[in-house]
PDB file of N, CA and C in Angstrom:
ATOM      1  N   MET A   1      78.206 104.602 140.280  1.00  0.00           N
ATOM      2  CA  MET A   1      78.861 104.009 139.139  1.00  0.00           C
ATOM      3  C   MET A   1      78.222 104.407 137.918  1.00  0.00           C
ATOM      4  N   GLU A   2      79.003 104.990 136.801  1.00  0.00           N
ATOM      5  CA  GLU A   2      78.468 105.358 135.509  1.00  0.00           C
ATOM      6  C   GLU A   2      77.982 104.214 134.797  1.00  0.00           C
ATOM      7  N   ALA A   3      76.851 104.110 134.166  1.00  0.00           N
ATOM      8  CA  ALA A   3      76.470 103.166 133.154  1.00  0.00           C
ATOM      9  C   ALA A   3      77.225 103.112 131.909  1.00  0.00           C
ATOM     10  N   ASP A   4      77.388 101.706 131.453  1.00  0.00           N
ATOM     11  CA  ASP A   4      78.369 101.631 130.356  1.00  0.00           C
ATOM     12  C   ASP A   4      77.408 101.361 129.058  1.00  0.00           C
ATOM     13  N   VAL A   5      75.963 101.417 129.346  1.00  0.00           N
ATOM     14  CA  VAL A   5      75.258 101.157 128.141  1.00  0.00           C
ATOM     15  C   VAL A   5      74.424 102.505 127.601  1.00  0.00           C
ATOM     16  N   TYR A   6      74.454 102.510 126.307  1.00  0.00           N
ATOM     17  CA  TYR A   6      74.004 103.663 125.753  1.00  0.00           C
ATOM     18  C   TYR A   6      72.866 103.222 124.638  1.00  0.00           C
ATOM     19  N   ASP A   7      71.704 103.350 124.983  1.00  0.00           N
ATOM     20  CA  ASP A   7      70.558 102.865 123.929  1.00  0.00           C
ATOM     21  C   ASP A   7      70.980 101.580 123.481  1.00  0.00           C
ATOM     22  N   ASN A   8      71.270 100.701 124.600  1.00  0.00           N
ATOM     23  CA  ASN A   8      71.339  99.096 124.273  1.00  0.00           C
ATOM     24  C   ASN A   8      72.844  98.855 123.492  1.00  0.00           C
ATOM     25  N   HIS A   9      73.603  99.964 123.493  1.00  0.00           N
ATOM     26  CA  HIS A   9      74.979  99.666 123.108  1.00  0.00           C
ATOM     27  C   HIS A   9      75.995 100.108 123.987  1.00  0.00           C
ATOM     28  N   ILE A  10      77.253  99.816 123.719  1.00  0.00           N
ATOM     29  CA  ILE A  10      78.359 100.263 124.690  1.00  0.00           C
ATOM     30  C   ILE A  10      78.305 101.820 124.501  1.00  0.00           C
ATOM     31  N   LYS A  11      78.461 102.554 125.531  1.00  0.00           N
ATOM     32  CA  LYS A  11      78.598 104.023 125.568  1.00  0.00           C
ATOM     33  C   LYS A  11      79.762 104.269 124.464  1.00  0.00           C
ATOM     34  N   PRO A  12      79.400 105.330 123.562  1.00  0.00           N
ATOM     35  CA  PRO A  12      80.477 105.516 122.511  1.00  0.00           C
ATOM     36  C   PRO A  12      81.621 106.450 123.075  1.00  0.00           C
ATOM     37  N   GLY A  13      82.755 106.279 122.604  1.00  0.00           N
ATOM     38  CA  GLY A  13      83.979 106.854 122.951  1.00  0.00           C
ATOM     39  C   GLY A  13      84.016 108.193 122.172  1.00  0.00           C
ATOM     40  N   ALA A  14      85.078 109.074 122.477  1.00  0.00           N
ATOM     41  CA  ALA A  14      85.130 110.322 121.671  1.00  0.00           C
ATOM     42  C   ALA A  14      85.338 109.894 120.211  1.00  0.00           C
ATOM     43  N   THR A  15      85.879 108.893 119.846  1.00  0.00           N
ATOM     44  CA  THR A  15      86.085 108.867 118.373  1.00  0.00           C
ATOM     45  C   THR A  15      84.594 108.418 117.689  1.00  0.00           C
ATOM     46  N   GLU A  16      83.827 107.770 118.270  1.00  0.00           N
ATOM     47  CA  GLU A  16      82.632 107.179 117.561  1.00  0.00           C
ATOM     48  C   GLU A  16      81.610 108.578 117.606  1.00  0.00           C
ATOM     49  N   GLN A  17      81.793 109.446 118.943  1.00  0.00           N
ATOM     50  CA  GLN A  17      80.988 110.454 118.964  1.00  0.00           C
ATOM     51  C   GLN A  17      81.203 111.413 117.925  1.00  0.00           C
ATOM     52  N   ASP A  18      82.585 111.725 117.798  1.00  0.00           N
ATOM     53  CA  ASP A  18      83.122 112.478 116.660  1.00  0.00           C
ATOM     54  C   ASP A  18      82.431 112.228 115.156  1.00  0.00           C
ATOM     55  N   LEU A  19      82.582 110.788 114.864  1.00  0.00           N
ATOM     56  CA  LEU A  19      82.249 110.259 113.755  1.00  0.00           C
ATOM     57  C   LEU A  19      80.533 110.645 113.522  1.00  0.00           C
ATOM     58  N   ARG A  20      79.880 110.346 114.481  1.00  0.00           N
ATOM     59  CA  ARG A  20      78.407 110.443 114.592  1.00  0.00           C
ATOM     60  C   ARG A  20      78.053 112.012 114.364  1.00  0.00           C
ATOM     61  N   ALA A  21      78.893 112.837 114.791  1.00  0.00           N
ATOM     62  CA  ALA A  21      78.413 114.268 114.555  1.00  0.00           C
ATOM     63  C   ALA A  21      78.975 114.825 113.546  1.00  0.00           C
ATOM     64  N   ASN A  22      80.005 114.258 112.733  1.00  0.00           N
ATOM     65  CA  ASN A  22      80.598 115.013 111.559  1.00  0.00           C
ATOM     66  C   ASN A  22      80.329 114.223 110.278  1.00  0.00           C
ATOM     67  N   TRP A  23      80.251 112.851 110.197  1.00  0.00           N
ATOM     68  CA  TRP A  23      80.236 112.267 108.970  1.00  0.00           C
ATOM     69  C   TRP A  23      78.656 112.158 108.711  1.00  0.00           C
ATOM     70  N   LYS A  24      78.194 112.984 108.058  1.00  0.00           N
ATOM     71  CA  LYS A  24      76.770 113.156 107.631  1.00  0.00           C
ATOM     72  C   LYS A  24      76.412 114.042 106.531  1.00  0.00           C
ATOM     73  N   PRO A  25      75.449 113.813 105.788  1.00  0.00           N
ATOM     74  CA  PRO A  25      75.081 114.791 104.636  1.00  0.00           C
ATOM     75  C   PRO A  25      75.054 116.248 105.188  1.00  0.00           C
ATOM     76  N   SER A  26      75.496 117.288 104.216  1.00  0.00           N
ATOM     77  CA  SER A  26      75.459 118.561 104.814  1.00  0.00           C
ATOM     78  C   SER A  26      74.007 119.108 104.972  1.00  0.00           C
ATOM     79  N   ASP A  27      73.745 120.170 105.508  1.00  0.00           N
ATOM     80  CA  ASP A  27      72.312 120.615 105.786  1.00  0.00           C
ATOM     81  C   ASP A  27      71.585 120.757 104.223  1.00  0.00           C
ATOM     82  N   GLU A  28      72.450 121.372 103.245  1.00  0.00           N
ATOM     83  CA  GLU A  28      71.791 121.666 101.945  1.00  0.00           C
ATOM     84  C   GLU A  28      71.464 120.349 101.358  1.00  0.00           C
ATOM     85  N   GLN A  29      72.388 119.110 101.394  1.00  0.00           N
ATOM     86  CA  GLN A  29      72.110 117.909 100.895  1.00  0.00           C
ATOM     87  C   GLN A  29      70.742 117.220 101.659  1.00  0.00           C
ATOM     88  N   MET A  30      70.644 117.606 102.901  1.00  0.00           N
ATOM     89  CA  MET A  30      69.382 117.067 103.605  1.00  0.00           C
ATOM     90  C   MET A  30      68.176 117.712 102.993  1.00  0.00           C
ATOM     91  N   ARG A  31      68.306 118.937 102.773  1.00  0.00           N
ATOM     92  CA  ARG A  31      67.172 119.918 102.394  1.00  0.00           C
ATOM     93  C   ARG A  31      66.873 119.440 100.821  1.00  0.00           C
ATOM     94  N   VAL A  32      67.747 119.461 100.082  1.00  0.00           N
ATOM     95  CA  VAL A  32      67.357 119.012  98.655  1.00  0.00           C
ATOM     96  C   VAL A  32      66.854 117.666  98.557  1.00  0.00           C
ATOM     97  N   ALA A  33      67.440 116.625  99.331  1.00  0.00           N
ATOM     98  CA  ALA A  33      66.975 115.203  99.418  1.00  0.00           C
ATOM     99  C   ALA A  33      65.457 115.193  99.973  1.00  0.00           C
ATOM    100  N   ALA A  34      65.126 116.058 100.863  1.00  0.00           N
ATOM    101  CA  ALA A  34      63.924 116.117 101.479  1.00  0.00           C
ATOM    102  C   ALA A  34      62.781 116.613 100.408  1.00  0.00           C
ATOM    103  N   LEU A  35      63.345 117.474  99.581  1.00  0.00           N
ATOM    104  CA  LEU A  35      62.382 117.836  98.418  1.00  0.00           C
ATOM    105  C   LEU A  35      62.276 116.806  97.277  1.00  0.00           C
ATOM    106  N   LEU A  36      63.146 115.939  97.059  1.00  0.00           N
ATOM    107  CA  LEU A  36      63.205 115.033  96.069  1.00  0.00           C
ATOM    108  C   LEU A  36      62.362 113.867  96.688  1.00  0.00           C
ATOM    109  N   LEU A  37      62.529 113.660  98.009  1.00  0.00           N
ATOM    110  CA  LEU A  37      61.691 112.514  98.562  1.00  0.00           C
ATOM    111  C   LEU A  37      60.138 112.903  98.667  1.00  0.00           C
ATOM    112  N   ALA A  38      59.695 114.148  98.741  1.00  0.00           N
ATOM    113  CA  ALA A  38      58.493 114.492  98.741  1.00  0.00           C
ATOM    114  C   ALA A  38      57.702 114.237  97.560  1.00  0.00           C
ATOM    115  N   SER A  39      58.471 114.019  96.429  1.00  0.00           N
ATOM    116  CA  SER A  39      57.954 113.778  95.182  1.00  0.00           C
ATOM    117  C   SER A  39      57.908 112.195  94.933  1.00  0.00           C
ATOM    118  N   ASP A  40      58.140 111.705  93.871  1.00  0.00           N
ATOM    119  CA  ASP A  40      58.011 110.151  93.652  1.00  0.00           C
ATOM    120  C   ASP A  40      59.149 109.187  93.982  1.00  0.00           C
ATOM    121  N   PHE A  41      60.220 110.000  94.378  1.00  0.00           N
ATOM    122  CA  PHE A  41      61.342 109.053  94.810  1.00  0.00           C
ATOM    123  C   PHE A  41      61.240 108.425  96.126  1.00  0.00           C
ATOM    124  N   THR A  42      61.999 107.433  96.304  1.00  0.00           N
ATOM    125  CA  THR A  42      62.010 106.800  97.636  1.00  0.00           C
ATOM    126  C   THR A  42      63.377 106.977  98.506  1.00  0.00           C
ATOM    127  N   MET A  43      64.409 107.198  97.674  1.00  0.00           N
ATOM    128  CA  MET A  43      65.692 107.346  98.271  1.00  0.00           C
ATOM    129  C   MET A  43      66.515 108.175  97.401  1.00  0.00           C
ATOM    130  N   VAL A  44      67.620 108.982  98.054  1.00  0.00           N
ATOM    131  CA  VAL A  44      68.514 109.987  97.338  1.00  0.00           C
ATOM    132  C   VAL A  44      69.785 109.534  97.781  1.00  0.00           C
ATOM    133  N   PHE A  45      70.829 109.489  96.686  1.00  0.00           N
ATOM    134  CA  PHE A  45      72.242 109.360  97.002  1.00  0.00           C
ATOM    135  C   PHE A  45      72.965 110.663  96.876  1.00  0.00           C
ATOM    136  N   CYS A  46      73.950 110.850  97.641  1.00  0.00           N
ATOM    137  CA  CYS A  46      74.775 112.037  97.475  1.00  0.00           C
ATOM    138  C   CYS A  46      76.329 111.614  97.883  1.00  0.00           C
ATOM    139  N   GLY A  47      77.180 112.305  97.488  1.00  0.00           N
ATOM    140  CA  GLY A  47      78.544 112.054  97.698  1.00  0.00           C
ATOM    141  C   GLY A  47      79.255 112.994  98.546  1.00  0.00           C
ATOM    142  N   HIS A  48      80.368 112.495  99.141  1.00  0.00           N
ATOM    143  CA  HIS A  48      81.139 113.023 100.007  1.00  0.00           C
ATOM    144  C   HIS A  48      82.771 112.935  99.812  1.00  0.00           C
ATOM    145  N   ALA A  49      83.607 113.859 100.108  1.00  0.00           N
ATOM    146  CA  ALA A  49      84.884 113.530 100.118  1.00  0.00           C
ATOM    147  C   ALA A  49      85.571 113.691 101.396  1.00  0.00           C
ATOM    148  N   LEU A  50      86.278 112.942 101.775  1.00  0.00           N
ATOM    149  CA  LEU A  50      86.963 112.806 103.161  1.00  0.00           C
ATOM    150  C   LEU A  50      88.632 112.987 102.942  1.00  0.00           C
ATOM    151  N   PRO A  51      89.059 114.227 102.641  1.00  0.00           N
ATOM    152  CA  PRO A  51      90.407 114.602 102.458  1.00  0.00           C
ATOM    153  C   PRO A  51      91.319 114.018 103.642  1.00  0.00           C
ATOM    154  N   GLY A  52      92.476 113.258 103.265  1.00  0.00           N
ATOM    155  CA  GLY A  52      93.218 112.894 104.217  1.00  0.00           C
ATOM    156  C   GLY A  52      93.036 111.698 104.940  1.00  0.00           C
ATOM    157  N   LYS A  53      91.908 111.254 104.835  1.00  0.00           N
ATOM    158  CA  LYS A  53      91.223 109.997 105.417  1.00  0.00           C
ATOM    159  C   LYS A  53      92.014 108.641 105.102  1.00  0.00           C
ATOM    160  N   GLN A  54      92.356 107.871 105.868  1.00  0.00           N
ATOM    161  CA  GLN A  54      92.857 106.600 105.606  1.00  0.00           C
ATOM    162  C   GLN A  54      91.646 105.602 105.487  1.00  0.00           C
ATOM    163  N   TYR A  55      91.543 104.964 104.550  1.00  0.00           N
ATOM    164  CA  TYR A  55      90.486 104.004 104.213  1.00  0.00           C
ATOM    165  C   TYR A  55      90.224 102.992 105.607  1.00  0.00           C
ATOM    166  N   GLY A  56      89.050 102.929 106.085  1.00  0.00           N
ATOM    167  CA  GLY A  56      88.761 102.113 107.142  1.00  0.00           C
ATOM    168  C   GLY A  56      89.008 102.584 108.518  1.00  0.00           C
ATOM    169  N   TRP A  57      89.403 103.841 108.514  1.00  0.00           N
ATOM    170  CA  TRP A  57      89.740 104.551 109.868  1.00  0.00           C
ATOM    171  C   TRP A  57      89.345 105.804 110.160  1.00  0.00           C
ATOM    172  N   TRP A  58      88.753 106.107 111.348  1.00  0.00           N
ATOM    173  CA  TRP A  58      88.271 107.533 111.558  1.00  0.00           C
ATOM    174  C   TRP A  58      89.095 108.120 112.599  1.00  0.00           C
ATOM    175  N   GLU A  59      89.516 109.374 112.273  1.00  0.00           N
ATOM    176  CA  GLU A  59      90.217 110.138 113.203  1.00  0.00           C
ATOM    177  C   GLU A  59      89.446 111.297 113.595  1.00  0.00           C
ATOM    178  N   PRO A  60      89.162 111.697 114.995  1.00  0.00           N
ATOM    179  CA  PRO A  60      88.546 112.782 115.389  1.00  0.00           C
ATOM    180  C   PRO A  60      88.848 114.097 114.595  1.00  0.00           C
ATOM    181  N   GLY A  61      88.105 114.937 114.174  1.00  0.00           N
ATOM    182  CA  GLY A  61      88.273 116.221 113.410  1.00  0.00           C
ATOM    183  C   GLY A  61      88.354 116.076 111.951  1.00  0.00           C
ATOM    184  N   GLN A  62      88.169 114.782 111.592  1.00  0.00           N
ATOM    185  CA  GLN A  62      88.087 114.454 110.070  1.00  0.00           C
ATOM    186  C   GLN A  62      87.171 115.320 109.409  1.00  0.00           C
ATOM    187  N   GLN A  63      87.672 116.108 108.263  1.00  0.00           N
ATOM    188  CA  GLN A  63      86.893 116.824 107.479  1.00  0.00           C
ATOM    189  C   GLN A  63      86.149 116.138 106.524  1.00  0.00           C
ATOM    190  N   VAL A  64      84.720 116.521 106.362  1.00  0.00           N
ATOM    191  CA  VAL A  64      83.823 115.865 105.477  1.00  0.00           C
ATOM    192  C   VAL A  64      83.401 117.028 104.439  1.00  0.00           C
ATOM    193  N   GLU A  65      83.503 116.803 103.071  1.00  0.00           N
ATOM    194  CA  GLU A  65      83.175 117.678 102.255  1.00  0.00           C
ATOM    195  C   GLU A  65      81.876 117.137 101.428  1.00  0.00           C
ATOM    196  N   ALA A  66      80.736 117.971 101.134  1.00  0.00           N
ATOM    197  CA  ALA A  66      79.632 117.479 100.408  1.00  0.00           C
ATOM    198  C   ALA A  66      80.222 117.733  98.894  1.00  0.00           C
ATOM    199  N   ALA A  67      79.918 116.450  98.108  1.00  0.00           N
ATOM    200  CA  ALA A  67      80.229 116.660  96.714  1.00  0.00           C
ATOM    201  C   ALA A  67      78.950 117.169  95.931  1.00  0.00           C
ATOM    202  N   PRO A  68      79.054 117.905  94.731  1.00  0.00           N
ATOM    203  CA  PRO A  68      77.906 118.243  94.100  1.00  0.00           C
ATOM    204  C   PRO A  68      77.136 117.090  93.470  1.00  0.00           C
ATOM    205  N   GLY A  69      75.873 117.394  93.349  1.00  0.00           N
ATOM    206  CA  GLY A  69      74.947 116.198  92.775  1.00  0.00           C
ATOM    207  C   GLY A  69      74.227 115.505  93.658  1.00  0.00           C
ATOM    208  N   TYR A  70      72.901 115.006  93.155  1.00  0.00           N
ATOM    209  CA  TYR A  70      72.132 114.251  93.763  1.00  0.00           C
ATOM    210  C   TYR A  70      71.519 113.288  92.820  1.00  0.00           C
ATOM    211  N   TRP A  71      71.286 111.969  93.409  1.00  0.00           N
ATOM    212  CA  TRP A  71      70.774 110.815  92.408  1.00  0.00           C
ATOM    213  C   TRP A  71      69.675 110.207  93.176  1.00  0.00           C
ATOM    214  N   PRO A  72      68.405 110.731  92.692  1.00  0.00           N
ATOM    215  CA  PRO A  72      67.186 109.983  93.302  1.00  0.00           C
ATOM    216  C   PRO A  72      66.733 108.874  92.704  1.00  0.00           C
ATOM    217  N   VAL A  73      66.310 107.735  93.411  1.00  0.00           N
ATOM    218  CA  VAL A  73      66.068 106.504  92.966  1.00  0.00           C
ATOM    219  C   VAL A  73      64.552 106.162  93.474  1.00  0.00           C
ATOM    220  N   ARG A  74      63.888 105.279  92.852  1.00  0.00           N
ATOM    221  CA  ARG A  74      62.639 104.598  93.308  1.00  0.00           C
ATOM    222  C   ARG A  74      62.980 103.241  93.764  1.00  0.00           C
ATOM    223  N   ARG A  75      62.360 103.016  94.914  1.00  0.00           N
ATOM    224  CA  ARG A  75      62.529 101.660  95.619  1.00  0.00           C
ATOM    225  C   ARG A  75      62.267 100.479  94.568  1.00  0.00           C
ATOM    226  N   GLY A  76      63.029  99.547  94.506  1.00  0.00           N
ATOM    227  CA  GLY A  76      63.008  98.336  93.479  1.00  0.00           C
ATOM    228  C   GLY A  76      63.601  98.615  92.335  1.00  0.00           C
ATOM    229  N   ASP A  77      64.128  99.783  92.076  1.00  0.00           N
ATOM    230  CA  ASP A  77      64.807  99.949  90.788  1.00  0.00           C
ATOM    231  C   ASP A  77      66.440  99.630  91.054  1.00  0.00           C
ATOM    232  N   HIS A  78      66.640  98.283  90.905  1.00  0.00           N
ATOM    233  CA  HIS A  78      68.028  97.879  91.166  1.00  0.00           C
ATOM    234  C   HIS A  78      69.094  98.498  90.457  1.00  0.00           C
ATOM    235  N   ASP A  79      68.960  98.550  89.184  1.00  0.00           N
ATOM    236  CA  ASP A  79      69.886  99.136  88.212  1.00  0.00           C
ATOM    237  C   ASP A  79      70.074 100.551  88.478  1.00  0.00           C
ATOM    238  N   ALA A  80      69.164 101.258  88.620  1.00  0.00           N
ATOM    239  CA  ALA A  80      69.134 102.718  89.166  1.00  0.00           C
ATOM    240  C   ALA A  80      69.899 102.926  90.471  1.00  0.00           C
ATOM    241  N   TYR A  81      69.620 102.056  91.351  1.00  0.00           N
ATOM    242  CA  TYR A  81      70.231 101.977  92.742  1.00  0.00           C
ATOM    243  C   TYR A  81      71.756 101.999  92.655  1.00  0.00           C
ATOM    244  N   ARG A  82      72.159 100.849  91.824  1.00  0.00           N
ATOM    245  CA  ARG A  82      73.647 100.609  91.624  1.00  0.00           C
ATOM    246  C   ARG A  82      74.418 101.723  90.876  1.00  0.00           C
ATOM    247  N   ALA A  83      73.613 102.276  89.992  1.00  0.00           N
ATOM    248  CA  ALA A  83      74.277 103.412  89.220  1.00  0.00           C
ATOM    249  C   ALA A  83      74.213 104.775  89.853  1.00  0.00           C
ATOM    250  N   ALA A  84      73.243 104.966  90.727  1.00  0.00           N
ATOM    251  CA  ALA A  84      73.131 106.110  91.692  1.00  0.00           C
ATOM    252  C   ALA A  84      74.363 106.075  92.803  1.00  0.00           C
ATOM    253  N   ARG A  85      74.332 104.943  93.314  1.00  0.00           N
ATOM    254  CA  ARG A  85      75.381 104.755  94.317  1.00  0.00           C
ATOM    255  C   ARG A  85      76.625 105.015  93.789  1.00  0.00           C
ATOM    256  N   GLU A  86      77.038 104.296  92.692  1.00  0.00           N
ATOM    257  CA  GLU A  86      78.394 104.712  91.982  1.00  0.00           C
ATOM    258  C   GLU A  86      78.490 106.051  91.588  1.00  0.00           C
ATOM    259  N   ALA A  87      77.664 106.731  91.079  1.00  0.00           N
ATOM    260  CA  ALA A  87      77.814 108.163  90.703  1.00  0.00           C
ATOM    261  C   ALA A  87      78.071 109.048  91.831  1.00  0.00           C
ATOM    262  N   ALA A  88      77.298 108.718  92.861  1.00  0.00           N
ATOM    263  CA  ALA A  88      77.658 109.568  94.307  1.00  0.00           C
ATOM    264  C   ALA A  88      79.097 109.232  94.720  1.00  0.00           C
ATOM    265  N   ASP A  89      79.414 107.997  94.727  1.00  0.00           N
ATOM    266  CA  ASP A  89      80.761 107.758  95.200  1.00  0.00           C
ATOM    267  C   ASP A  89      81.724 108.415  94.268  1.00  0.00           C
ATOM    268  N   ARG A  90      81.506 108.274  93.008  1.00  0.00           N
ATOM    269  CA  ARG A  90      82.490 109.020  91.966  1.00  0.00           C
ATOM    270  C   ARG A  90      82.585 110.397  92.161  1.00  0.00           C
ATOM    271  N   ALA A  91      81.522 111.050  92.590  1.00  0.00           N
ATOM    272  CA  ALA A  91      81.380 112.380  92.838  1.00  0.00           C
ATOM    273  C   ALA A  91      82.384 112.831  93.967  1.00  0.00           C
ATOM    274  N   GLY A  92      82.296 111.939  95.117  1.00  0.00           N
ATOM    275  CA  GLY A  92      83.178 112.158  96.252  1.00  0.00           C
ATOM    276  C   GLY A  92      84.748 112.228  95.654  1.00  0.00           C
ATOM    277  N   GLY A  93      84.827 111.220  94.897  1.00  0.00           N
ATOM    278  CA  GLY A  93      86.341 111.049  94.488  1.00  0.00           C
ATOM    279  C   GLY A  93      86.726 112.250  93.826  1.00  0.00           C
ATOM    280  N   GLU A  94      85.904 112.736  92.839  1.00  0.00           N
ATOM    281  CA  GLU A  94      86.178 113.938  91.952  1.00  0.00           C
ATOM    282  C   GLU A  94      86.318 115.197  92.970  1.00  0.00           C
ATOM    283  N   GLN A  95      85.536 115.296  94.046  1.00  0.00           N
ATOM    284  CA  GLN A  95      85.676 116.367  95.083  1.00  0.00           C
ATOM    285  C   GLN A  95      87.013 116.376  95.663  1.00  0.00           C
ATOM    286  N   LEU A  96      87.685 115.207  95.915  1.00  0.00           N
ATOM    287  CA  LEU A  96      88.985 115.221  96.354  1.00  0.00           C
ATOM    288  C   LEU A  96      89.966 116.047  95.445  1.00  0.00           C
ATOM    289  N   ALA A  97      89.705 115.961  94.292  1.00  0.00           N
ATOM    290  CA  ALA A  97      90.594 116.747  93.297  1.00  0.00           C
ATOM    291  C   ALA A  97      92.043 116.471  93.312  1.00  0.00           C
ATOM    292  N   GLY A  98      92.375 115.238  93.453  1.00  0.00           N
ATOM    293  CA  GLY A  98      93.798 114.759  93.571  1.00  0.00           C
ATOM    294  C   GLY A  98      94.483 114.684  94.906  1.00  0.00           C
ATOM    295  N   ARG A  99      93.795 115.186  95.839  1.00  0.00           N
ATOM    296  CA  ARG A  99      94.208 115.034  97.269  1.00  0.00           C
ATOM    297  C   ARG A  99      94.154 113.820  97.721  1.00  0.00           C
ATOM    298  N   LYS A 100      94.979 113.376  98.748  1.00  0.00           N
ATOM    299  CA  LYS A 100      94.733 111.881  99.313  1.00  0.00           C
ATOM    300  C   LYS A 100      93.602 112.012 100.317  1.00  0.00           C
ATOM    301  N   GLY A 101      92.975 110.898 100.336  1.00  0.00           N
ATOM    302  CA  GLY A 101      91.672 110.701 101.170  1.00  0.00           C
ATOM    303  C   GLY A 101      90.814 109.663 100.630  1.00  0.00           C
ATOM    304  N   THR A 102      89.646 109.599 100.787  1.00  0.00           N
ATOM    305  CA  THR A 102      88.732 108.534 100.496  1.00  0.00           C
ATOM    306  C   THR A 102      87.459 109.276 100.211  1.00  0.00           C
ATOM    307  N   SER A 103      86.715 108.718  99.265  1.00  0.00           N
ATOM    308  CA  SER A 103      85.331 109.137  98.945  1.00  0.00           C
ATOM    309  C   SER A 103      84.297 108.529  99.879  1.00  0.00           C
ATOM    310  N   GLY A 104      83.036 108.846  99.716  1.00  0.00           N
ATOM    311  CA  GLY A 104      82.121 108.514 100.509  1.00  0.00           C
ATOM    312  C   GLY A 104      80.704 108.764  99.948  1.00  0.00           C
ATOM    313  N   TRP A 105      79.878 108.280 100.464  1.00  0.00           N
ATOM    314  CA  TRP A 105      78.304 108.533  99.724  1.00  0.00           C
ATOM    315  C   TRP A 105      77.342 108.290 100.916  1.00  0.00           C
ATOM    316  N   ALA A 106      76.209 108.956 100.716  1.00  0.00           N
ATOM    317  CA  ALA A 106      75.159 108.754 101.781  1.00  0.00           C
ATOM    318  C   ALA A 106      73.979 108.312 101.010  1.00  0.00           C
ATOM    319  N   LEU A 107      73.093 107.760 101.646  1.00  0.00           N
ATOM    320  CA  LEU A 107      71.726 107.236 101.224  1.00  0.00           C
ATOM    321  C   LEU A 107      70.792 107.910 102.153  1.00  0.00           C
ATOM    322  N   ILE A 108      69.903 108.629 101.704  1.00  0.00           N
ATOM    323  CA  ILE A 108      68.860 109.491 102.567  1.00  0.00           C
ATOM    324  C   ILE A 108      67.462 108.908 102.044  1.00  0.00           C
ATOM    325  N   GLU A 109      66.616 108.695 103.015  1.00  0.00           N
ATOM    326  CA  GLU A 109      65.416 108.115 102.801  1.00  0.00           C
ATOM    327  C   GLU A 109      64.454 108.712 103.801  1.00  0.00           C
ATOM    328  N   LEU A 110      63.150 108.527 103.795  1.00  0.00           N
ATOM    329  CA  LEU A 110      62.227 108.942 104.800  1.00  0.00           C
ATOM    330  C   LEU A 110      61.896 107.639 105.585  1.00  0.00           C
ATOM    331  N   ARG A 111      61.846 108.155 106.977  1.00  0.00           N
ATOM    332  CA  ARG A 111      61.385 107.015 108.037  1.00  0.00           C
ATOM    333  C   ARG A 111      60.477 107.713 109.013  1.00  0.00           C
ATOM    334  N   ASP A 112      59.092 107.144 108.944  1.00  0.00           N
ATOM    335  CA  ASP A 112      58.215 108.025 109.896  1.00  0.00           C
ATOM    336  C   ASP A 112      58.058 109.413 109.329  1.00  0.00           C
ATOM    337  N   GLY A 113      58.237 109.550 107.884  1.00  0.00           N
ATOM    338  CA  GLY A 113      58.005 110.990 107.429  1.00  0.00           C
ATOM    339  C   GLY A 113      59.211 111.912 107.627  1.00  0.00           C
ATOM    340  N   GLU A 114      60.282 111.331 108.264  1.00  0.00           N
ATOM    341  CA  GLU A 114      61.453 112.253 108.403  1.00  0.00           C
ATOM    342  C   GLU A 114      62.786 111.821 107.638  1.00  0.00           C
ATOM    343  N   PRO A 115      63.587 112.655 107.037  1.00  0.00           N
ATOM    344  CA  PRO A 115      64.604 112.148 106.268  1.00  0.00           C
ATOM    345  C   PRO A 115      65.530 111.627 107.217  1.00  0.00           C
ATOM    346  N   VAL A 116      66.206 110.568 106.979  1.00  0.00           N
ATOM    347  CA  VAL A 116      67.162 109.726 107.688  1.00  0.00           C
ATOM    348  C   VAL A 116      68.267 109.511 106.670  1.00  0.00           C
ATOM    349  N   PHE A 117      69.510 109.340 107.200  1.00  0.00           N
ATOM    350  CA  PHE A 117      70.550 108.727 106.305  1.00  0.00           C
ATOM    351  C   PHE A 117      71.554 107.735 106.950  1.00  0.00           C
ATOM    352  N   ALA A 118      72.309 107.127 105.992  1.00  0.00           N
ATOM    353  CA  ALA A 118      73.489 106.370 106.361  1.00  0.00           C
ATOM    354  C   ALA A 118      74.561 106.633 105.440  1.00  0.00           C
ATOM    355  N   VAL A 119      75.639 106.472 105.926  1.00  0.00           N
ATOM    356  CA  VAL A 119      76.853 106.980 105.173  1.00  0.00           C
ATOM    357  C   VAL A 119      77.809 105.704 104.974  1.00  0.00           C
ATOM    358  N   TRP A 120      78.467 105.581 103.826  1.00  0.00           N
ATOM    359  CA  TRP A 120      79.592 104.576 103.498  1.00  0.00           C
ATOM    360  C   TRP A 120      80.808 105.206 103.019  1.00  0.00           C
ATOM    361  N   GLU A 121      81.868 104.517 103.321  1.00  0.00           N
ATOM    362  CA  GLU A 121      83.210 104.868 102.585  1.00  0.00           C
ATOM    363  C   GLU A 121      83.225 104.376 101.421  1.00  0.00           C
ATOM    364  N   GLY A 122      83.547 105.149 100.367  1.00  0.00           N
ATOM    365  CA  GLY A 122      83.753 104.702  98.935  1.00  0.00           C
ATOM    366  C   GLY A 122      84.967 104.111  98.543  1.00  0.00           C
ATOM    367  N   MET A 123      85.089 104.044  97.157  1.00  0.00           N
ATOM    368  CA  MET A 123      86.256 103.300  96.641  1.00  0.00           C
ATOM    369  C   MET A 123      87.049 104.220  95.618  1.00  0.00           C
ATOM    370  N   HIS A 124      86.748 105.527  95.695  1.00  0.00           N
ATOM    371  CA  HIS A 124      87.305 106.599  94.701  1.00  0.00           C
ATOM    372  C   HIS A 124      88.163 107.495  95.328  1.00  0.00           C
ATOM    373  N   GLY A 125      89.179 107.153  96.127  1.00  0.00           N
ATOM    374  CA  GLY A 125      89.966 107.876  96.764  1.00  0.00           C
ATOM    375  C   GLY A 125      91.567 107.618  96.472  1.00  0.00           C
ATOM    376  N   GLU A 126      92.421 108.337  97.032  1.00  0.00           N
ATOM    377  CA  GLU A 126      93.809 108.014  96.774  1.00  0.00           C
ATOM    378  C   GLU A 126      94.552 107.953  98.179  1.00  0.00           C
ATOM    379  N   GLN A 127      95.192 106.869  98.470  1.00  0.00           N
ATOM    380  CA  GLN A 127      95.899 106.593  99.711  1.00  0.00           C
ATOM    381  C   GLN A 127      97.381 107.163  99.580  1.00  0.00           C
TER     382      GLN A 127
END
């Protein structure tokens, strides 16, 4: 019998595997963020466009486009954090260029010396 447990979680299905494999910062976004994080910054925001995506729902094969721009922030600067998050989300919406879909943004930071990221769906798309 095959185990249903995957790293203390339910084994991911095809949709979750696709989401994990595809909704992430581009290689270029990760490279630039790593350079910024090597300086005095502790986190970097960058935007994404998810053309055709319905808010709150992931379909396998969803396209993810990196939006231009990087917004570095120092830990504890709450005003800069909010402004950077909003700017990255807005950049994702602008990347849609009038197409239906949703914006998104990523937060990249260092964990044990390696860049790691988390992604969120934004509020600057058109349904």
